Protein backbone atom coordinates (compact mmCIF):
# COMPACT_ATOMS: atom_id res chain seq x y z
CA UNK A 1 -5.44 -1.37 14.74
CA UNK A 2 -4.68 -2.57 11.16
CA UNK A 3 -3.52 -0.84 7.98
CA UNK A 4 -5.28 -0.92 4.92
CA UNK A 5 -5.48 0.82 1.41
CA UNK A 6 -7.70 4.15 1.11
CA UNK A 7 -8.69 3.28 -2.52
CA UNK A 8 -7.39 0.53 -4.69
CA UNK A 9 -8.03 2.24 -7.61
CA UNK A 10 -6.00 5.48 -6.77
CA UNK A 11 -3.26 3.05 -5.82
CA UNK A 12 -2.92 1.80 -8.98
CA UNK A 13 -3.02 4.89 -10.72
CA UNK A 14 -0.08 5.98 -8.25
CA UNK A 15 1.92 3.11 -9.85
CA UNK A 16 1.67 4.33 -12.91
CA UNK A 17 2.17 7.73 -12.39
CA UNK A 18 5.11 6.55 -10.80
CA UNK A 19 6.24 4.03 -13.66
CA UNK A 20 5.63 0.63 -11.74
CA UNK A 21 4.08 -2.59 -12.35
CA UNK A 22 2.94 -4.52 -9.12
CA UNK A 23 5.65 -6.97 -9.93
CA UNK A 24 8.31 -3.81 -10.24
CA UNK A 25 7.11 -1.96 -7.00
CA UNK A 26 7.14 -5.40 -5.31
CA UNK A 27 10.61 -5.89 -6.43
CA UNK A 28 11.87 -2.54 -5.27
CA UNK A 29 10.27 -2.60 -2.35
CA UNK A 30 11.44 -5.98 -1.17
CA UNK A 31 8.49 -7.92 -0.72
CA UNK A 32 6.84 -10.80 -2.57
CA UNK A 33 4.96 -10.12 -5.53
CA UNK A 34 1.99 -11.95 -4.39
CA UNK A 35 1.99 -10.14 -0.77
CA UNK A 36 1.84 -6.82 -2.72
CA UNK A 37 -0.89 -7.98 -5.21
CA UNK A 38 -3.26 -8.94 -2.05
CA UNK A 39 -2.39 -5.59 -0.61
CA UNK A 40 -3.53 -3.74 -3.87
CA UNK A 41 -6.53 -5.89 -4.09
CA UNK A 42 -7.63 -5.08 -0.30
CA UNK A 43 -7.27 -9.22 0.64
CA UNK A 44 -4.57 -8.31 2.27
CA UNK A 45 -3.70 -5.49 4.93
CA UNK A 46 0.33 -4.77 5.07
CA UNK A 47 2.29 -4.81 8.17
CA UNK A 48 3.53 -1.08 9.62
CA UNK A 49 7.07 -2.50 7.73
CA UNK A 50 5.78 -3.27 4.66
CA UNK A 51 3.42 -0.30 4.64
CA UNK A 52 6.62 1.73 5.21
CA UNK A 53 8.66 -0.13 2.40
CA UNK A 54 5.96 0.63 0.14
CA UNK A 55 5.70 4.31 1.04
CA UNK A 56 9.47 4.96 0.66
CA UNK A 57 9.78 3.28 -2.74
CA UNK A 58 6.71 5.10 -4.02
CA UNK A 59 8.33 8.17 -2.36
CA UNK A 60 4.79 9.23 -0.95
CA UNK A 61 3.06 9.76 2.38
CA UNK A 62 1.35 7.58 4.54
CA UNK A 63 -1.92 9.61 4.66
CA UNK A 64 -1.45 9.47 0.36
CA UNK A 65 -2.43 5.70 0.06
CA UNK A 66 -3.25 4.23 3.73
CA UNK A 67 -5.79 4.70 6.48
CA UNK A 68 -5.51 2.87 9.79
CA UNK A 69 -8.66 1.09 11.46
CA UNK A 70 -9.35 0.43 14.75
CA UNK A 71 -11.83 -2.12 15.47
CA UNK A 72 -13.87 -1.06 12.55
CA UNK A 73 -13.24 2.18 12.83
CA UNK A 74 -11.32 4.26 10.17
CA UNK A 75 -8.79 6.53 11.68
CA UNK A 76 -7.35 9.25 9.47
CA UNK A 77 -5.09 12.31 9.94
């Protein structure tokens, strides 16, 4: 199973609403800026630990921005 962003555009809107740039979010979450940029562009999928750091920093729930995919099938609550 893999984690991915639900919607890249909504993720960027959320960052703006929360007052973050990608660089600022990466710093606040303790992850590398290239990693966050790749996740936000859909190039890379976050590990559970990285996803948790992003969620905690943004103050949102998992299902607000991420989905879990199981072998090509999207799982959501």
